[in-house]
């Protein structure tokens, strides 16, 4: 038998329920995984609460690591016992074991543990495309980065610094400032929508930021736009405070011919070649210390609701894992 977390309706963390199901045999091109660590990501929260629609009833989770224990027909690139990880659909990572498409699995480097993989892969892939594809961050790039106290922000801050950027980190509370400074941020600001743009201007001698990475949404929208220099790029990739209002194109012109994008991980890993290339870059970043897996909390599958509460409340200061 396998344990899985499912939900029948959208709502609070309490809609998550643990179920026992029979293990199934993998079909052609599939494997059966025994999972040792499952990553909890903010996207999971938005799927559970209905901000991102999924067909119900549903499993949950898009990231895990473990070992291959059974192979379906036509699987030639993996063997029983291989240590693997994945990031992406189909939904259902919140489980002790599951069927998964073999071509979307990634073999783990020897130096990366299964826990570390589940802590870093999904967020590392997100950081990778944001810093290298959405905007090519490099020496001298002025980056305004929200959420530096959280798991994704931590990875992005250290990776951006490794790439040579001047990083202005934004945190939600004073208690998070010291941790952001320890990551190497050149400056750390506690979010204040009325003062943020002025502080960014002060820190950059009036130049402001080349790129703003904003996963917050509604409450930070105007402050983020006002923190950009002419022809700067606004990267809206989350909405923890709610979706921002519709954008008038004339506003982008009036604020300095700004650029705006709303990227997703799925669009940057849709082909197997791109998925594997980006993952290889994540493993390399771990190997050289550009990013560091940071497990803040570990919870049993039966405690998935509690794990969601910690992530949703902003109390977590690093990756949160479920341990089957």
Protein backbone atom coordinates (compact mmCIF):
# COMPACT_ATOMS: atom_id res chain seq x y z
CA UNK A 1 0.00 0.00 0.00
CA UNK A 2 1.03 3.60 -0.63
CA UNK A 3 0.05 6.70 1.33
CA UNK A 4 -1.09 9.73 -0.66
CA UNK A 5 -2.47 13.17 0.19
CA UNK A 6 -5.56 14.22 -1.73
CA UNK A 7 -8.23 16.90 -1.53
CA UNK A 8 -11.85 16.81 -2.62
CA UNK A 9 -12.54 20.55 -2.56
CA UNK A 10 -10.62 23.80 -2.47
CA UNK A 11 -10.18 25.50 0.87
CA UNK A 12 -7.97 25.78 3.93
CA UNK A 13 -5.11 23.35 4.67
CA UNK A 14 -7.62 21.15 6.49
CA UNK A 15 -9.04 19.94 3.15
CA UNK A 16 -5.88 17.84 2.73
CA UNK A 17 -6.51 14.20 3.67
CA UNK A 18 -4.20 11.18 3.84
CA UNK A 19 -5.41 8.07 2.00
CA UNK A 20 -4.07 4.55 1.57
CA UNK A 21 -4.12 3.15 -1.96
CA UNK A 22 -2.89 -0.02 -3.59
CA UNK A 23 0.42 0.18 -5.39
CA UNK A 24 0.14 -0.16 -9.15
CA UNK A 25 2.46 -1.55 -11.81
CA UNK A 26 4.18 0.95 -14.10
CA UNK A 27 3.11 0.98 -17.72
CA UNK A 28 5.28 1.55 -20.77
CA UNK A 29 7.66 4.45 -20.22
CA UNK A 30 6.85 4.66 -16.50
CA UNK A 31 8.50 3.73 -13.22
CA UNK A 32 7.30 3.16 -9.69
CA UNK A 33 9.12 5.39 -7.21
CA UNK A 34 9.51 5.03 -3.48
CA UNK A 35 9.84 8.62 -2.34
CA UNK A 36 11.92 9.74 0.63
CA UNK A 37 11.41 13.51 0.45
CA UNK A 38 8.70 15.69 -1.09
CA UNK A 39 9.09 19.42 -1.66
CA UNK A 40 6.30 21.78 -0.60
CA UNK A 41 6.07 24.79 -2.92
CA UNK A 42 3.89 27.89 -2.88
CA UNK A 43 2.24 26.72 -6.09
CA UNK A 44 0.82 23.82 -4.05
CA UNK A 45 -0.84 26.36 -1.75
CA UNK A 46 -2.47 28.19 -4.65
CA UNK A 47 -3.76 24.95 -6.15
CA UNK A 48 -5.24 23.89 -2.81
CA UNK A 49 -6.93 27.24 -2.14
CA UNK A 50 -8.30 27.63 -5.66
CA UNK A 51 -6.16 30.53 -6.85
CA UNK A 52 -4.79 28.13 -9.47
CA UNK A 53 -7.44 25.77 -10.78
CA UNK A 54 -6.99 21.99 -10.81
CA UNK A 55 -9.52 19.28 -11.57
CA UNK A 56 -10.98 17.80 -8.38
CA UNK A 57 -10.59 15.48 -6.60
CA UNK A 58 -6.85 15.70 -6.91
CA UNK A 59 -3.49 14.79 -5.54
CA UNK A 60 -1.00 17.56 -4.89
CA UNK A 61 2.69 18.27 -5.27
CA UNK A 62 5.13 18.67 -8.14
CA UNK A 63 8.51 17.80 -6.63
CA UNK A 64 10.06 14.81 -4.90
CA UNK A 65 13.09 12.57 -4.69
CA UNK A 66 13.54 8.90 -4.02
CA UNK A 67 14.50 5.60 -5.64
CA UNK A 68 13.25 3.60 -8.61
CA UNK A 69 11.81 0.27 -7.46
CA UNK A 70 9.99 -0.99 -10.57
CA UNK A 71 10.33 -0.39 -14.30
CA UNK A 72 7.69 -0.41 -17.00
CA UNK A 73 8.32 -1.61 -20.52
CA UNK A 74 10.55 0.53 -22.74
CA UNK A 75 12.37 2.17 -19.81
CA UNK A 76 16.07 1.90 -20.63
CA UNK A 77 17.69 4.94 -19.00
CA UNK A 78 17.03 3.94 -15.38
CA UNK A 79 17.54 0.87 -13.27
CA UNK A 80 16.04 -0.40 -10.05
CA UNK A 81 17.73 1.38 -7.15
CA UNK A 82 18.61 4.55 -9.04
CA UNK A 83 18.35 7.74 -6.98
CA UNK A 84 16.17 10.22 -8.84
CA UNK A 85 14.22 13.46 -8.51
CA UNK A 86 11.67 15.38 -10.52
CA UNK A 87 10.00 18.76 -10.72
CA UNK A 88 6.75 19.14 -12.61
CA UNK A 89 3.54 17.31 -13.35
CA UNK A 90 1.59 15.19 -13.22
CA UNK A 91 0.31 16.23 -9.80
CA UNK A 92 0.69 13.72 -7.00
CA UNK A 93 4.09 14.16 -5.36
CA UNK A 94 2.55 14.13 -1.87
CA UNK A 95 2.87 10.35 -1.64
CA UNK A 96 5.07 7.60 -0.24
CA UNK A 97 5.25 6.07 -3.69
CA UNK A 98 3.86 6.74 -7.15
CA UNK A 99 3.94 6.08 -10.86
CA UNK A 100 5.95 8.69 -12.76
CA UNK A 101 7.02 9.16 -16.42
CA UNK A 102 10.60 7.96 -16.76
CA UNK A 103 11.57 10.63 -19.29
CA UNK A 104 10.87 13.40 -16.75
CA UNK A 105 13.07 11.87 -14.06
CA UNK A 106 16.53 13.22 -13.28
CA UNK A 107 19.34 11.10 -11.90
CA UNK A 108 20.88 12.62 -8.80
CA UNK A 109 24.56 13.53 -8.71
CA UNK A 110 26.43 11.55 -6.07
CA UNK A 111 27.05 14.66 -3.98
CA UNK A 112 23.34 15.63 -3.80
CA UNK A 113 21.19 13.82 -1.23
CA UNK A 114 17.54 13.00 -1.82
CA UNK A 115 16.55 15.55 0.83
CA UNK A 116 18.67 18.23 -0.78
CA UNK A 117 17.18 17.47 -4.18
CA UNK A 118 13.62 17.81 -2.92
CA UNK A 119 14.58 21.05 -1.18
CA UNK A 120 16.22 22.68 -4.18
CA UNK A 121 15.09 21.29 -7.55
CA UNK A 122 11.74 23.03 -8.19
CA UNK A 123 12.88 26.31 -6.66
CA UNK A 124 16.31 26.00 -8.27
CA UNK A 125 14.78 25.55 -11.72
CA UNK A 126 12.63 28.60 -11.07
CA UNK A 127 15.64 30.65 -9.99
CA UNK A 128 17.61 29.41 -12.99
CA UNK A 129 15.17 30.53 -15.65
CA UNK A 130 14.38 33.81 -13.88
CA UNK A 131 18.04 34.79 -13.55
CA UNK A 132 19.32 33.44 -16.84
CA UNK A 133 16.42 33.52 -19.31
CA UNK A 134 13.78 35.98 -18.15
CA UNK A 135 16.52 38.55 -17.55
CA UNK A 136 20.21 37.74 -18.14
CA UNK A 137 21.55 38.82 -14.76
CA UNK A 138 25.28 39.56 -14.80
CA UNK A 139 27.95 41.86 -13.43
CA UNK A 140 26.49 45.22 -12.46
CA UNK A 141 22.82 44.24 -12.86
CA UNK A 142 20.74 45.93 -10.18
CA UNK A 143 18.23 43.36 -8.95
CA UNK A 144 15.29 44.15 -6.67
CA UNK A 145 14.26 40.82 -5.17
CA UNK A 146 11.26 40.21 -2.94
CA UNK A 147 10.91 37.29 -0.54
CA UNK A 148 14.58 36.99 0.36
CA UNK A 149 13.57 35.47 3.69
CA UNK A 150 11.91 32.52 1.96
CA UNK A 151 13.23 29.41 0.24
CA UNK A 152 13.13 30.65 -3.36
CA UNK A 153 14.39 34.12 -2.48
CA UNK A 154 17.37 32.65 -0.65
CA UNK A 155 18.42 30.69 -3.74
CA UNK A 156 17.90 33.66 -6.05
CA UNK A 157 19.86 36.04 -3.81
CA UNK A 158 22.99 33.90 -3.60
CA UNK A 159 22.85 32.91 -7.28
CA UNK A 160 22.39 36.52 -8.40
CA UNK A 161 25.37 37.53 -6.27
CA UNK A 162 27.40 34.71 -7.81
CA UNK A 163 26.52 36.15 -11.23
CA UNK A 164 27.83 39.56 -10.18
CA UNK A 165 24.60 41.45 -9.50
CA UNK A 166 23.96 44.23 -7.01
CA UNK A 167 21.10 42.69 -5.03
CA UNK A 168 18.55 44.71 -3.08
CA UNK A 169 16.58 42.23 -1.02
CA UNK A 170 13.05 42.95 0.20
CA UNK A 171 11.67 41.22 3.31
CA UNK A 172 8.33 41.46 5.04
CA UNK A 173 9.58 41.98 8.59
CA UNK A 174 12.56 43.34 10.48
CA UNK A 175 13.35 39.91 11.91
CA UNK A 176 14.28 38.69 8.42
CA UNK A 177 16.85 41.43 7.73
CA UNK A 178 19.86 39.72 9.33
CA UNK A 179 19.28 36.49 7.44
CA UNK A 180 19.02 38.38 4.15
CA UNK A 181 22.27 40.19 4.89
CA UNK A 182 23.98 36.87 5.60
CA UNK A 183 22.98 35.71 2.11
CA UNK A 184 25.11 38.50 0.69
CA UNK A 185 22.46 41.04 -0.29
CA UNK A 186 24.05 44.42 -0.88
CA UNK A 187 21.10 46.10 0.83
CA UNK A 188 17.96 44.84 2.56
CA UNK A 189 14.68 46.75 2.79
CA UNK A 190 11.66 45.96 4.92
CA UNK A 191 8.69 46.34 2.60
CA UNK A 192 6.82 49.63 2.78
CA UNK A 193 4.85 50.36 -0.36
CA UNK A 194 5.06 54.12 0.17
CA UNK A 195 8.83 54.23 0.67
CA UNK A 196 10.24 51.35 -1.37
CA UNK A 197 10.85 53.14 -4.68
CA UNK A 198 12.51 56.07 -2.93
CA UNK A 199 14.82 53.74 -1.02
CA UNK A 200 15.77 51.90 -4.22
CA UNK A 201 16.54 55.24 -5.87
CA UNK A 202 18.69 56.27 -2.91
CA UNK A 203 20.65 53.01 -2.96
CA UNK A 204 21.36 53.30 -6.69
CA UNK A 205 22.16 57.03 -6.92
CA UNK A 206 18.84 57.60 -8.66
CA UNK A 207 19.28 54.89 -11.29
CA UNK A 208 16.86 52.33 -9.75
CA UNK A 209 16.67 48.65 -10.71
CA UNK A 210 17.26 46.90 -14.02
CA UNK A 211 14.88 44.12 -13.03
CA UNK A 212 12.33 43.54 -10.28
CA UNK A 213 11.41 39.99 -9.28
CA UNK A 214 8.00 40.25 -7.62
CA UNK A 215 6.18 37.13 -6.37
CA UNK A 216 3.93 39.17 -4.08
CA UNK A 217 1.41 40.69 -6.49
CA UNK A 218 -1.31 43.09 -5.53
CA UNK A 219 0.14 45.01 -2.61
CA UNK A 220 3.60 45.47 -4.14
CA UNK A 221 2.64 46.15 -7.75
CA UNK A 222 2.88 49.95 -7.91
CA UNK A 223 5.96 50.08 -5.70
CA UNK A 224 7.68 47.55 -7.96
CA UNK A 225 6.92 49.48 -11.15
CA UNK A 226 8.14 52.69 -9.53
CA UNK A 227 11.41 50.99 -8.53
CA UNK A 228 12.43 50.33 -12.14
CA UNK A 229 14.72 52.48 -14.26
CA UNK A 230 13.64 53.39 -17.81
CA UNK A 231 13.33 50.26 -19.96
CA UNK A 232 13.56 48.09 -16.86
CA UNK A 233 11.86 44.71 -16.62
CA UNK A 234 9.05 43.89 -14.20
CA UNK A 235 8.93 40.13 -13.55
CA UNK A 236 5.63 39.15 -11.94
CA UNK A 237 5.83 35.44 -11.14
CA UNK A 238 3.59 34.97 -8.10
CA UNK A 239 0.67 36.48 -6.27
CA UNK A 240 0.95 35.72 -2.58
CA UNK A 241 -1.06 38.88 -1.78
CA UNK A 242 -3.51 38.35 -4.65
CA UNK A 243 -3.30 38.96 -8.37
CA UNK A 244 -2.33 42.50 -9.38
CA UNK A 245 -4.86 44.68 -11.16
CA UNK A 246 -5.01 44.75 -14.94
CA UNK A 247 -2.22 46.82 -16.47
CA UNK A 248 -2.83 49.81 -18.69
CA UNK A 249 -0.21 49.72 -21.42
CA UNK A 250 0.05 53.50 -21.25
CA UNK A 251 1.29 53.13 -17.66
CA UNK A 252 4.34 51.21 -18.84
CA UNK A 253 5.11 53.98 -21.29
CA UNK A 254 4.60 56.74 -18.74
CA UNK A 255 6.92 55.09 -16.22
CA UNK A 256 9.80 54.87 -18.68
CA UNK A 257 8.99 52.39 -21.47
CA UNK A 258 8.98 49.50 -19.01
CA UNK A 259 8.85 45.85 -19.96
CA UNK A 260 6.54 43.39 -18.20
CA UNK A 261 6.44 39.59 -18.16
CA UNK A 262 4.53 36.89 -16.33
CA UNK A 263 6.67 33.74 -16.72
CA UNK A 264 6.11 30.19 -15.50
CA UNK A 265 8.33 27.19 -14.84
CA UNK A 266 6.16 25.00 -17.07
CA UNK A 267 6.85 27.20 -20.10
CA UNK A 268 10.59 26.99 -19.44
CA UNK A 269 10.78 23.21 -19.00
CA UNK A 270 8.24 22.01 -21.56
CA UNK A 271 10.82 20.25 -23.72
CA UNK A 272 12.89 17.44 -22.25
CA UNK A 273 16.10 18.98 -23.55
CA UNK A 274 15.44 22.33 -21.85
CA UNK A 275 14.27 20.65 -18.63
CA UNK A 276 17.44 18.57 -18.41
CA UNK A 277 19.71 21.46 -19.35
CA UNK A 278 18.26 23.70 -16.67
CA UNK A 279 18.41 20.90 -14.09
CA UNK A 280 22.06 20.28 -14.92
CA UNK A 281 22.71 23.97 -14.27
CA UNK A 282 20.97 23.69 -10.90
CA UNK A 283 23.13 20.72 -9.87
CA UNK A 284 26.21 22.64 -10.99
CA UNK A 285 25.13 25.67 -8.95
CA UNK A 286 24.80 23.42 -5.89
CA UNK A 287 28.21 21.88 -6.54
CA UNK A 288 30.01 25.24 -6.72
CA UNK A 289 28.07 26.77 -3.82
CA UNK A 290 26.15 29.35 -5.85
CA UNK A 291 23.00 28.00 -4.21
CA UNK A 292 22.67 26.03 -1.00
CA UNK A 293 19.78 23.71 -0.10
CA UNK A 294 18.25 24.88 3.17
CA UNK A 295 15.70 22.59 4.81
CA UNK A 296 13.73 24.64 7.33
CA UNK A 297 11.11 22.07 8.31
CA UNK A 298 10.30 18.38 7.93
CA UNK A 299 6.78 16.98 8.33
CA UNK A 300 5.12 13.59 7.94
CA UNK A 301 2.69 13.12 5.07
CA UNK A 302 -0.08 13.12 7.67
CA UNK A 303 1.08 16.63 8.65
CA UNK A 304 0.70 18.13 5.17
CA UNK A 305 -1.87 20.61 6.45
CA UNK A 306 0.58 21.88 9.07
CA UNK A 307 3.31 22.19 6.46
CA UNK A 308 0.96 24.29 4.31
CA UNK A 309 0.16 26.53 7.26
CA UNK A 310 3.86 27.21 7.83
CA UNK A 311 4.49 28.07 4.18
CA UNK A 312 1.29 30.08 3.69
CA UNK A 313 1.82 32.14 6.84
CA UNK A 314 5.35 33.12 5.85
CA UNK A 315 6.82 31.54 8.98
CA UNK A 316 9.03 29.15 7.02
CA UNK A 317 12.53 30.46 6.39
CA UNK A 318 13.71 27.84 3.94
CA UNK A 319 12.43 24.74 2.18
CA UNK A 320 9.68 22.66 3.75
CA UNK A 321 9.68 18.92 3.13
CA UNK A 322 7.20 16.12 3.61
CA UNK A 323 8.84 12.88 4.73
CA UNK A 324 6.88 9.75 3.76
